[in-house]
Amino acid sequence: KIRSKIQIEESIKHDSAVQFAIQGMEELVLPEKYNGLGYRNLISIYLKLIDFREKWLKELSEGKNIEPIHLVFVEEPEAHLHAQAQQVFVKKAFEALCNNKLIEENPWLSTQLVLSTHSNHVVNELDLNCMRYFKRVIDVGEKIPVSKVVNLSSTFGTDDETKQFVTRYIRLTHCDIFFSDAVVLVEGPAEKILVPSFLVKAGLDSYYISVIEVNGRHAHSFRKLIEKIGIAALIVTDIDATDTKVGEDGKEIHPSVITAKGNGYKTGNPSIKSWLSGKEQIDDLLALDEKEKLVNNVRIAFQTPVNVKWDKNKDELTEVCPYTFEDALIFTNLELFRREGLKKMGAITTIANLLKHSNSANELQNKIFKKLESKSGFQKADFAISLLYKDDFVDLVAPVYIQEGLEWMKSYLDSNGNRNGE
């Protein structure tokens, strides 16, 4: 029910503590409730904090007893400030409460500041050690939603290097992992661009899902944070098959190769090694079932074999083992790349031409491998953007390994993370 309750006498009785004069018209002033969401309101809130500080310091200077604990609670400052002002506020708020010589000389006089927020602009300005994460869970006994408070200060323990990396990365990417229902960690720009459209097709658009690109296969660096906050996570990464050879200097080297069964290849992906410990052999990874790719609230997704119908006039299927997101996407949507008229479309035209001049799926895969490894004439981001915005590719289907991962995520979120009564 919505009920409107207006008390006129109360609204006109209040006299603003902070007023702003209009330049050139000094007789007109704006009360604080008309500050808007910008710097005027920022100054108003800042002055209130200073006013709080000065009031109790005045009592101290007069020899009066003061309260031994000073707590200031600010509830969701983003509701009253634009994004830029939020960042200035969180940088300066604590300084306003403690910027006094008497406080500096007497550390016991420190004030504690508590901010509640749903804003990643506020979170990005803070150290992980300062954060407390409220996780919604279902109480086992009462069967009602309750909040579990997670202290993030000890997330990385003594591993300062990983903590520093994750903190910096969160700030650089304006990460909203703390406010999402689930997170998808992807490896490169192509996945970052296309996965959101795959989420919509998988029926996950009613959830708030954060898609984060972790360049250089750094998903494993986020492991402790993901486990700590207990958020559902899908790791979309490359299987990264490598061979073992001896170089000219006699040292062992591990060159990248096209994924294949029965060759003794191993994965070179640190994220797979971290989450699926002991499963480095490509043959073992390709043989894993759905449950074996799950680690608590995390699902690992990497390329799996694709059955390709190379000749549409024949029923024969060729098994191809993709090694990157790009070739998995191409072989899943082969007929879309065979369409006529794919000219002057950058990387898409490059793939269409390779397809036109290949006699088999394996030959095409070898050509794509050489093109990607040479890193010339094929921009992954350009490829993904073109696929996203061209009408020719409106029917683009996600590779099977991503589809399966998104199906798991939908099942997990639809059941609130409760499976088999757990």
Protein backbone atom coordinates (compact mmCIF):
# COMPACT_ATOMS: atom_id res chain seq x y z
CA LYS A 1 0.00 0.00 0.00
CA ILE A 2 1.12 3.54 -0.72
CA ARG A 3 -0.17 6.31 1.50
CA SER A 4 0.72 9.95 1.17
CA LYS A 5 1.18 11.86 4.42
CA ILE A 6 1.91 15.58 4.20
CA GLN A 7 2.27 17.84 7.23
CA ILE A 8 2.47 21.42 5.94
CA GLU A 9 3.22 22.92 9.36
CA GLU A 10 6.27 20.70 9.75
CA SER A 11 7.72 21.54 6.35
CA ILE A 12 7.48 25.32 6.84
CA LYS A 13 8.64 25.19 10.47
CA HIS A 14 12.10 23.88 9.57
CA ASP A 15 14.77 26.51 8.96
CA SER A 16 17.74 25.26 6.96
CA ALA A 17 21.08 25.19 8.76
CA VAL A 18 22.96 25.53 5.46
CA GLN A 19 21.78 27.95 2.78
CA PHE A 20 23.28 28.89 -0.56
CA ALA A 21 23.17 32.42 -1.94
CA ILE A 22 22.50 32.92 -5.63
CA GLN A 23 25.33 34.84 -7.25
CA GLY A 24 24.21 38.37 -8.19
CA MET A 25 20.97 38.05 -6.19
CA GLU A 26 22.10 37.95 -2.57
CA GLU A 27 18.57 38.43 -1.24
CA LEU A 28 17.59 35.01 -2.61
CA VAL A 29 18.89 31.88 -0.92
CA LEU A 30 18.38 28.15 -1.52
CA PRO A 31 17.77 25.93 1.52
CA GLU A 32 19.81 22.74 1.82
CA LYS A 33 16.95 20.51 0.62
CA TYR A 34 17.31 22.12 -2.84
CA ASN A 35 21.00 21.37 -3.12
CA GLY A 36 20.56 18.80 -5.89
CA LEU A 37 22.99 15.89 -6.11
CA GLY A 38 26.20 17.74 -6.92
CA TYR A 39 28.82 19.75 -5.09
CA ARG A 40 26.34 21.92 -3.19
CA ASN A 41 24.98 18.88 -1.42
CA LEU A 42 28.51 17.54 -0.98
CA ILE A 43 29.51 20.75 0.82
CA SER A 44 26.32 20.59 2.92
CA ILE A 45 27.09 17.02 4.11
CA TYR A 46 30.75 17.93 4.66
CA LEU A 47 29.76 20.88 6.87
CA LYS A 48 27.47 18.63 8.93
CA LEU A 49 30.40 16.31 9.64
CA ILE A 50 32.59 19.25 10.67
CA ASP A 51 29.75 20.56 12.85
CA PHE A 52 29.55 17.19 14.63
CA ARG A 53 33.30 17.24 15.24
CA GLU A 54 33.37 20.80 16.57
CA LYS A 55 30.45 20.26 18.95
CA TRP A 56 32.10 17.52 20.96
CA LEU A 57 35.54 19.19 20.79
CA LYS A 58 33.96 22.33 22.27
CA GLU A 59 32.62 20.28 25.18
CA LEU A 60 36.10 18.78 25.67
CA SER A 61 37.74 22.21 25.68
CA GLU A 62 35.24 23.38 28.29
CA GLY A 63 36.29 20.54 30.58
CA LYS A 64 33.05 18.61 30.19
CA ASN A 65 32.92 14.82 29.97
CA ILE A 66 32.59 13.52 26.42
CA GLU A 67 31.31 10.22 25.11
CA PRO A 68 34.13 7.63 24.90
CA ILE A 69 32.92 6.27 21.55
CA HIS A 70 32.13 8.43 18.55
CA LEU A 71 30.31 6.73 15.70
CA VAL A 72 29.03 8.44 12.57
CA PHE A 73 26.69 6.44 10.32
CA VAL A 74 26.06 7.64 6.75
CA GLU A 75 23.38 5.62 5.01
CA GLU A 76 23.77 5.27 1.25
CA PRO A 77 25.41 8.62 0.37
CA GLU A 78 24.88 7.79 -3.32
CA ALA A 79 21.18 8.59 -2.84
CA HIS A 80 22.16 12.23 -2.38
CA LEU A 81 25.21 12.62 -4.61
CA HIS A 82 26.21 12.27 -8.26
CA ALA A 83 28.91 9.71 -9.05
CA GLN A 84 31.75 12.26 -9.09
CA ALA A 85 30.60 13.78 -5.79
CA GLN A 86 30.35 10.29 -4.24
CA GLN A 87 34.04 9.70 -4.92
CA VAL A 88 35.04 13.06 -3.46
CA PHE A 89 32.83 12.43 -0.42
CA VAL A 90 34.29 9.04 0.47
CA LYS A 91 37.83 10.44 0.13
CA LYS A 92 37.15 13.46 2.35
CA ALA A 93 34.47 12.37 4.85
CA PHE A 94 36.77 10.71 7.38
CA GLU A 95 39.25 13.57 7.05
CA ALA A 96 36.49 16.03 7.99
CA LEU A 97 35.80 14.09 11.20
CA CYS A 98 39.46 13.90 12.25
CA ASN A 99 41.09 17.05 10.85
CA ASN A 100 41.96 18.75 14.13
CA LYS A 101 45.25 19.18 16.01
CA LEU A 102 43.72 18.04 19.30
CA ILE A 103 42.55 14.77 17.70
CA GLU A 104 45.95 14.23 16.06
CA GLU A 105 47.68 14.62 19.43
CA ASN A 106 45.20 12.30 21.18
CA PRO A 107 44.51 9.20 19.06
CA TRP A 108 41.93 7.95 21.57
CA LEU A 109 39.65 10.77 20.41
CA SER A 110 39.25 9.21 16.93
CA THR A 111 35.80 9.01 15.38
CA GLN A 112 34.63 5.87 13.55
CA LEU A 113 32.82 6.31 10.25
CA VAL A 114 30.39 3.67 8.93
CA LEU A 115 29.05 3.94 5.36
CA SER A 116 26.33 1.69 3.98
CA THR A 117 26.29 1.69 0.20
CA HIS A 118 25.18 0.02 -3.02
CA SER A 119 27.50 2.20 -5.09
CA ASN A 120 30.60 0.84 -6.79
CA HIS A 121 31.83 4.46 -7.02
CA VAL A 122 32.08 4.49 -3.23
CA VAL A 123 33.55 0.97 -3.02
CA ASN A 124 36.23 1.75 -5.61
CA GLU A 125 37.73 4.41 -3.35
CA LEU A 126 38.13 2.08 -0.36
CA ASP A 127 40.62 -0.56 0.67
CA LEU A 128 39.29 -4.14 0.87
CA ASN A 129 40.38 -4.19 4.53
CA CYS A 130 37.71 -1.58 5.30
CA MET A 131 34.83 -3.54 3.81
CA ARG A 132 32.12 -5.68 5.34
CA TYR A 133 30.01 -7.57 2.81
CA PHE A 134 26.37 -8.39 3.62
CA LYS A 135 25.46 -11.66 1.98
CA ARG A 136 21.83 -12.74 1.75
CA VAL A 137 21.28 -16.37 2.71
CA ILE A 138 18.32 -18.54 3.65
CA ASP A 139 18.30 -19.48 7.33
CA VAL A 140 18.33 -23.29 7.59
CA GLY A 141 16.02 -23.43 10.60
CA GLU A 142 13.58 -20.58 10.00
CA LYS A 143 13.65 -20.80 6.16
CA ILE A 144 13.66 -17.01 5.88
CA PRO A 145 16.21 -14.68 4.21
CA VAL A 146 18.83 -13.36 6.62
CA SER A 147 22.07 -11.42 6.20
CA LYS A 148 25.46 -12.89 6.88
CA VAL A 149 28.24 -10.35 7.40
CA VAL A 150 31.56 -11.22 5.76
CA ASN A 151 34.71 -9.46 6.94
CA LEU A 152 36.88 -8.87 3.86
CA SER A 153 39.94 -7.67 5.80
CA SER A 154 41.48 -11.14 5.99
CA THR A 155 40.45 -12.36 2.52
CA PHE A 156 43.98 -12.70 1.14
CA GLY A 157 45.80 -13.35 4.41
CA THR A 158 49.49 -12.50 3.99
CA ASP A 159 49.38 -12.67 0.19
CA ASP A 160 49.91 -8.94 -0.35
CA GLU A 161 50.78 -9.28 -4.05
CA THR A 162 47.46 -10.93 -4.96
CA LYS A 163 45.52 -8.55 -2.73
CA GLN A 164 47.22 -5.57 -4.37
CA PHE A 165 46.46 -6.92 -7.86
CA VAL A 166 42.76 -7.63 -7.14
CA THR A 167 42.24 -4.28 -5.39
CA ARG A 168 43.83 -2.37 -8.26
CA TYR A 169 41.91 -4.38 -10.83
CA ILE A 170 38.59 -3.74 -9.10
CA ARG A 171 39.33 -0.02 -9.13
CA LEU A 172 40.46 0.02 -12.76
CA THR A 173 37.42 -1.86 -14.06
CA HIS A 174 34.90 -0.14 -11.79
CA CYS A 175 33.95 -3.60 -10.68
CA ASP A 176 30.42 -4.14 -9.34
CA ILE A 177 31.06 -7.68 -8.11
CA PHE A 178 29.90 -6.74 -4.58
CA PHE A 179 26.41 -5.77 -5.77
CA SER A 180 25.66 -8.47 -8.33
CA ASP A 181 23.73 -11.74 -8.07
CA ALA A 182 26.50 -13.58 -9.89
CA VAL A 183 29.73 -12.92 -11.72
CA VAL A 184 31.14 -14.15 -15.04
CA LEU A 185 34.92 -13.89 -15.33
CA VAL A 186 36.02 -13.90 -18.97
CA GLU A 187 39.48 -13.96 -20.47
CA GLY A 188 39.47 -11.49 -23.34
CA PRO A 189 37.68 -8.57 -25.04
CA ALA A 190 35.67 -10.76 -27.44
CA GLU A 191 34.02 -12.68 -24.56
CA LYS A 192 33.47 -9.43 -22.63
CA ILE A 193 31.56 -7.97 -25.58
CA LEU A 194 29.48 -11.03 -26.54
CA VAL A 195 28.75 -12.81 -23.24
CA PRO A 196 26.13 -10.20 -22.14
CA SER A 197 24.08 -11.03 -25.25
CA PHE A 198 24.44 -14.75 -24.46
CA LEU A 199 23.13 -14.03 -20.93
CA VAL A 200 19.95 -12.54 -22.41
CA LYS A 201 19.42 -15.55 -24.70
CA ALA A 202 19.93 -17.88 -21.71
CA GLY A 203 17.11 -16.13 -19.80
CA LEU A 204 19.46 -14.53 -17.26
CA ASP A 205 18.57 -10.91 -18.02
CA SER A 206 16.31 -10.70 -14.95
CA TYR A 207 19.38 -11.12 -12.73
CA TYR A 208 22.13 -8.60 -12.08
CA ILE A 209 25.22 -10.36 -13.43
CA SER A 210 28.62 -8.72 -13.54
CA VAL A 211 30.82 -9.65 -16.51
CA ILE A 212 34.48 -8.95 -15.76
CA GLU A 213 37.36 -9.28 -18.20
CA VAL A 214 40.45 -10.62 -16.43
CA ASN A 215 43.24 -10.18 -18.96
CA GLY A 216 46.11 -12.63 -18.92
CA ARG A 217 44.13 -15.51 -17.41
CA HIS A 218 44.06 -14.00 -13.92
CA ALA A 219 40.71 -15.46 -12.81
CA HIS A 220 42.50 -17.55 -10.16
CA SER A 221 43.65 -14.32 -8.45
CA PHE A 222 40.01 -13.64 -7.58
CA ARG A 223 39.52 -17.08 -6.04
CA LYS A 224 39.79 -16.10 -2.36
CA LEU A 225 37.49 -13.10 -2.84
CA ILE A 226 34.84 -15.17 -4.67
CA GLU A 227 34.98 -17.91 -2.03
CA LYS A 228 34.79 -15.35 0.78
CA ILE A 229 31.67 -13.57 -0.44
CA GLY A 230 30.11 -16.81 -1.71
CA ILE A 231 28.85 -15.36 -4.98
CA ALA A 232 27.93 -17.69 -7.87
CA ALA A 233 30.77 -17.47 -10.39
CA LEU A 234 31.26 -18.77 -13.92
CA ILE A 235 34.87 -18.82 -15.13
CA VAL A 236 34.93 -18.68 -18.95
CA THR A 237 38.48 -19.44 -19.95
CA ASP A 238 40.55 -21.08 -22.70
CA ILE A 239 41.77 -24.66 -22.44
CA ASP A 240 45.23 -23.49 -23.66
CA ALA A 241 46.70 -26.76 -24.90
CA THR A 242 50.51 -26.88 -24.80
CA ASP A 243 53.08 -29.41 -25.94
CA THR A 244 56.33 -30.25 -24.13
CA LYS A 245 59.52 -29.88 -26.15
CA VAL A 246 63.20 -29.20 -25.62
CA GLY A 247 64.52 -25.89 -26.95
CA GLU A 248 67.84 -25.17 -28.63
CA ASP A 249 69.36 -24.24 -25.27
CA GLY A 250 68.37 -27.61 -23.83
CA LYS A 251 65.62 -26.15 -21.65
CA GLU A 252 62.05 -27.45 -21.63
CA ILE A 253 59.56 -25.25 -23.50
CA HIS A 254 55.77 -25.41 -23.78
CA PRO A 255 54.55 -24.02 -27.14
CA SER A 256 50.83 -23.51 -27.79
CA VAL A 257 49.18 -26.14 -29.99
CA ILE A 258 45.75 -26.90 -31.41
CA THR A 259 43.77 -28.93 -28.88
CA ALA A 260 43.79 -32.64 -29.70
CA LYS A 261 43.12 -35.90 -27.91
CA GLY A 262 45.72 -38.61 -27.32
CA ASN A 263 48.83 -36.45 -27.83
CA GLY A 264 49.77 -36.01 -24.16
CA TYR A 265 49.10 -32.25 -24.30
CA LYS A 266 48.68 -30.31 -21.05
CA THR A 267 46.82 -27.11 -20.21
CA GLY A 268 48.89 -24.02 -19.64
CA ASN A 269 45.99 -22.12 -18.07
CA PRO A 270 46.65 -21.11 -14.43
CA SER A 271 42.91 -20.68 -13.69
CA ILE A 272 42.14 -24.29 -14.69
CA LYS A 273 45.17 -25.52 -12.72
CA SER A 274 44.03 -23.58 -9.64
CA TRP A 275 40.39 -24.66 -9.55
CA LEU A 276 40.71 -28.13 -11.05
CA SER A 277 43.82 -29.27 -9.21
CA GLY A 278 45.44 -32.39 -10.63
CA LYS A 279 43.62 -32.12 -13.96
CA GLU A 280 46.35 -30.75 -16.24
CA GLN A 281 46.15 -33.37 -19.00
CA ILE A 282 44.01 -32.24 -21.95
CA ASP A 283 42.54 -35.76 -22.25
CA ASP A 284 41.45 -35.66 -18.59
CA LEU A 285 39.90 -32.19 -18.96
CA LEU A 286 37.92 -33.13 -22.08
CA ALA A 287 36.58 -36.22 -20.26
CA LEU A 288 35.22 -34.27 -17.25
CA ASP A 289 31.45 -34.30 -16.74
CA GLU A 290 29.36 -31.34 -15.54
CA LYS A 291 29.70 -32.03 -11.81
CA GLU A 292 33.47 -32.38 -12.05
CA LYS A 293 33.70 -28.80 -13.35
CA LEU A 294 32.04 -27.48 -10.18
CA VAL A 295 33.94 -26.25 -7.15
CA ASN A 296 31.38 -25.14 -4.54
CA ASN A 297 29.83 -21.94 -5.96
CA VAL A 298 32.18 -21.80 -8.96
CA ARG A 299 31.73 -23.41 -12.39
CA ILE A 300 34.69 -23.69 -14.77
CA ALA A 301 33.93 -23.49 -18.51
CA PHE A 302 36.54 -24.23 -21.19
CA GLN A 303 36.35 -25.38 -24.82
CA THR A 304 34.93 -28.85 -25.45
CA PRO A 305 34.75 -30.82 -28.74
CA VAL A 306 32.26 -29.59 -31.36
CA ASN A 307 30.66 -31.82 -34.02
CA VAL A 308 30.79 -29.86 -37.26
CA LYS A 309 28.73 -30.57 -40.35
CA TRP A 310 31.26 -29.44 -42.94
CA ASP A 311 29.32 -30.45 -46.05
CA LYS A 312 25.66 -29.47 -45.61
CA ASN A 313 24.67 -31.98 -48.31
CA LYS A 314 26.08 -34.88 -46.27
CA ASP A 315 25.22 -36.19 -42.82
CA GLU A 316 28.86 -36.72 -41.87
CA LEU A 317 30.06 -34.93 -38.72
CA THR A 318 33.66 -33.96 -38.00
CA GLU A 319 34.78 -33.59 -34.38
CA VAL A 320 36.80 -30.43 -33.83
CA CYS A 321 38.49 -29.52 -30.53
CA PRO A 322 38.51 -25.70 -30.29
CA TYR A 323 41.34 -24.00 -28.42
CA THR A 324 40.00 -20.41 -28.17
CA PHE A 325 36.66 -18.64 -27.80
CA GLU A 326 36.91 -17.40 -31.39
CA ASP A 327 37.30 -20.75 -33.17
CA ALA A 328 34.67 -22.34 -30.89
CA LEU A 329 32.26 -19.56 -31.90
CA ILE A 330 33.09 -19.94 -35.58
CA PHE A 331 32.59 -23.73 -35.68
CA THR A 332 29.34 -23.42 -33.68
CA ASN A 333 27.98 -20.89 -36.20
CA LEU A 334 29.67 -22.13 -39.40
CA GLU A 335 26.68 -21.48 -41.68
CA LEU A 336 26.50 -17.82 -40.61
CA PHE A 337 30.08 -17.31 -41.81
CA ARG A 338 29.25 -19.02 -45.13
CA ARG A 339 26.68 -16.41 -46.06
CA GLU A 340 27.24 -14.33 -49.18
CA GLY A 341 27.99 -10.65 -48.90
CA LEU A 342 30.33 -10.71 -45.90
CA LYS A 343 32.64 -8.11 -47.41
CA LYS A 344 34.41 -5.10 -45.90
CA MET A 345 33.67 -6.37 -42.39
CA GLY A 346 37.21 -6.64 -41.07
CA ALA A 347 37.89 -9.81 -39.09
CA ILE A 348 34.55 -11.35 -40.15
CA THR A 349 35.56 -11.07 -43.82
CA THR A 350 38.94 -12.61 -42.95
CA ILE A 351 37.22 -15.67 -41.45
CA ALA A 352 34.72 -15.89 -44.35
CA ASN A 353 37.62 -15.94 -46.84
CA LEU A 354 39.52 -18.59 -44.85
CA LEU A 355 36.36 -20.70 -44.79
CA LYS A 356 35.83 -20.29 -48.53
CA HIS A 357 39.35 -21.52 -49.29
CA SER A 358 39.39 -24.48 -46.88
CA ASN A 359 38.54 -28.04 -47.86
CA SER A 360 37.91 -29.41 -44.36
CA ALA A 361 37.16 -28.34 -40.80
CA ASN A 362 40.66 -29.30 -39.68
CA GLU A 363 42.25 -27.23 -42.45
CA LEU A 364 40.13 -24.23 -41.44
CA GLN A 365 41.12 -24.66 -37.78
CA ASN A 366 44.82 -24.71 -38.73
CA LYS A 367 44.41 -21.50 -40.72
CA ILE A 368 42.54 -19.78 -37.85
CA PHE A 369 45.25 -20.94 -35.42
CA LYS A 370 48.02 -19.41 -37.56
CA LYS A 371 46.03 -16.19 -37.99
CA LEU A 372 45.42 -15.81 -34.25
CA GLU A 373 48.98 -16.75 -33.30
CA SER A 374 50.46 -14.27 -35.78
CA LYS A 375 48.19 -11.55 -34.31
CA SER A 376 48.20 -9.75 -37.67
CA GLY A 377 45.07 -8.78 -39.53
CA PHE A 378 42.74 -10.13 -36.84
CA GLN A 379 41.52 -7.88 -34.02
CA LYS A 380 39.48 -9.91 -31.52
CA ALA A 381 37.54 -6.92 -30.19
CA ASP A 382 36.70 -5.75 -33.73
CA PHE A 383 35.55 -9.29 -34.55
CA ALA A 384 33.20 -9.41 -31.56
CA ILE A 385 31.76 -5.93 -32.07
CA SER A 386 31.02 -6.68 -35.72
CA LEU A 387 29.22 -9.90 -34.75
CA LEU A 388 27.18 -8.05 -32.14
CA TYR A 389 25.92 -5.25 -34.35
CA LYS A 390 25.53 -6.85 -37.78
CA ASP A 391 22.04 -8.10 -38.65
CA ASP A 392 23.62 -11.08 -40.42
CA PHE A 393 24.58 -12.49 -37.01
CA VAL A 394 21.39 -11.94 -35.03
CA ASP A 395 21.07 -15.74 -34.77
CA LEU A 396 24.58 -16.16 -33.32
CA VAL A 397 24.67 -19.11 -30.90
CA ALA A 398 27.01 -19.32 -27.91
CA PRO A 399 29.58 -22.15 -27.97
CA VAL A 400 28.42 -25.27 -26.11
CA TYR A 401 30.87 -24.85 -23.21
CA ILE A 402 29.46 -21.36 -22.50
CA GLN A 403 25.85 -22.51 -22.96
CA GLU A 404 26.36 -25.25 -20.38
CA GLY A 405 27.94 -22.81 -17.96
CA LEU A 406 25.06 -20.35 -18.29
CA GLU A 407 22.52 -23.17 -17.83
CA TRP A 408 24.26 -24.05 -14.55
CA MET A 409 24.17 -20.41 -13.45
CA LYS A 410 20.44 -20.07 -14.21
CA SER A 411 19.69 -23.28 -12.30
CA TYR A 412 21.81 -22.05 -9.37
CA LEU A 413 20.21 -18.60 -9.23
CA ASP A 414 16.65 -19.85 -9.77
CA SER A 415 17.06 -22.13 -6.76
CA ASN A 416 18.77 -19.40 -4.67
CA GLY A 417 21.85 -21.58 -4.54
CA ASN A 418 19.94 -24.39 -2.83
CA ARG A 419 20.36 -27.69 -4.61
CA ASN A 420 19.08 -31.05 -3.39
CA GLY A 421 17.86 -29.41 -0.20
CA GLU A 422 21.33 -28.12 0.72
